[in-house]
Structure formats: C-alpha cells, structure tokens
C-alpha cells in the first residue's frame, strides 16, 4: 500500500475525527478506510487514534506523528506543483472528466464552441461516475470536471478545493415510451396504478440528486422499483423498450422527445431543474487549460 495514501488518510481522519466522514472525503468505503488506518498504525508500531463511540481523537503517539505527516505531504505537494509548473508552458493537452450522461451529447456540443479559440493539440475525455470523476480531479489526473449540480450540492462540499462555473442548464424529467408494453398513462398520476420505476443505483450521481430532491417521494405516483443501473443511457434504452418510467436528463433525450419515441408527464412538480458545472482546482493549470477556463467563464450561464 502506498504510504502517501496512508498519510493522507491519517490527516483526513485527524481533521474530521469521524471514520465515516473521512472515508467519504477519501472516496472509499468505511471498511476499506479503517483497514488502511490499521495498516498505518501497524507500520508505525503504535496506535495513533483513540476510538470512542462519539469521535476519534489522536493518541499521544498520533499527536507527535501529526506534524511530521503534515510536513511530508506539504513538501510532496510543493514538489508536484513545481514539476507541473515546469511543464505547463509545453503542456497543450486538455484532460477533462465528465459524467457518462454529459459525455455523450452535452460535452461535444459544449466543447465545439471553443475549438478555434484554444491552442490544445489534443483533448482527453474521461467518462465515469461523478465520484470517480471527482477523484480524478482531486488527484490531478484531469484539469476539469463537468457534472450536474442540484442545490449547489457539489459546490458546497468541495468549495475549499474547487472553483466552478455554470456552463449549461439541464433537467431531470420522467419519461416513458409512447407505446409501452406495460400499460400505464398520464392518468396514472392519481396513484391508483403502480408504475414500474427504472431507477438509478447508489453509485450514480444523478441518482443521488434525484434522491436528495425527494421529487418521486413527494409526488402522487404509486411505483415499484423494477430495474436499476448507474448509467442513464441504460435506463434510457429500458424506457425506450417500454419497460417503465425513468427520470432522465433532458440533454440526453432531446432527440427522442422531439421524435416522440419518449413522452413525459406534464406536471412541472415532477421535473427537476439542474445546473451543469465546470469544476477545477484552485491551483494554476497551465496556458491551454487556463484559456479554456477564461472562455468558459466569459460565456458562463449565471
């Protein structure tokens, strides 16, 4: 196991004093995070934390160890920044992470407006879940992240590390096939008919947004969870096949809505407006990436 990972785990836990919160900040499960802390303590040869029912605090050994860990990480970060700065003037590759649903339609249309204005020799797009994309940004593997936002959820969690601007608008809307194999219609909103729900799995960023909004729970819909996936594209295909109702980003299904192969409920209360945000770290990114940020900022939808 990478000792630097252990050191970062140690600092996060010492600051949060909570295993669950620290694991979330380190983008891992609590059990895996706990095992890494145990491995660090075994490597040091002393317990570094007192574990109580209310919080986790440093032991005497942990208090002594803490400033050394901080110094190691600080020196390492300085070295990484210096190395990246040395290569920035020659670095003309843009590395952007985007969630699956935004990679397919939104990103190509959004990026096309900058193609003649920036000096990028190549563009690398990484498509993954929101958590994985955030991890890429935190680790410096990408310069930017494009993701959906509802009620400033991402921005509020990451405002100490990230800057962000709004680059688009979107909306989660409930849709189903015009000729569904399962018999339900707009009149089923009275709750008398149980509607098959095509839902997002737990690791989906859109699923978290939908769950936090409580749009489905607060509606008059009577539903059963029929199918789940972390990919909006999979739910889209299931909806097109007539398997149920899915809440999908409007940006992903514009063509289907226009063609009439997917239809939506008319009730506005069932629709969830969202922002599309471009995120970056607060460190200097290099000439090409800073160009993209400036142009995006100029055209930002506020």
Foldseek 3Di string as FASTA:
>chain_A
DDVLLLLQLLVLCQVVQALCVSCVVVLHHSVVSVVSPVVVCVVVVHRQWDDDPPGIHGDPVVVVCNVVSVVVVVVVVVVVLVVQVVCQQVQQEAEEEEEPLCVPFPVVVLCVVCPVPFDHPYYHYHYHAPSVRVNCQVVVVHFKYKYKDAPCPVCVVCVVWKDKFFQFKKKFFKKAFPDAPDDDDLVQQQAPDAFAEEAEDPRAPVRVVCVVVCLVVPGSHHYDHDHYYSDLVVVVVCRLRRNTMYGHICSNCVVCVVVRRMDGHPDPSNMGMITIMMMGTPRDDHDRVVSVVVVSVVNTDD
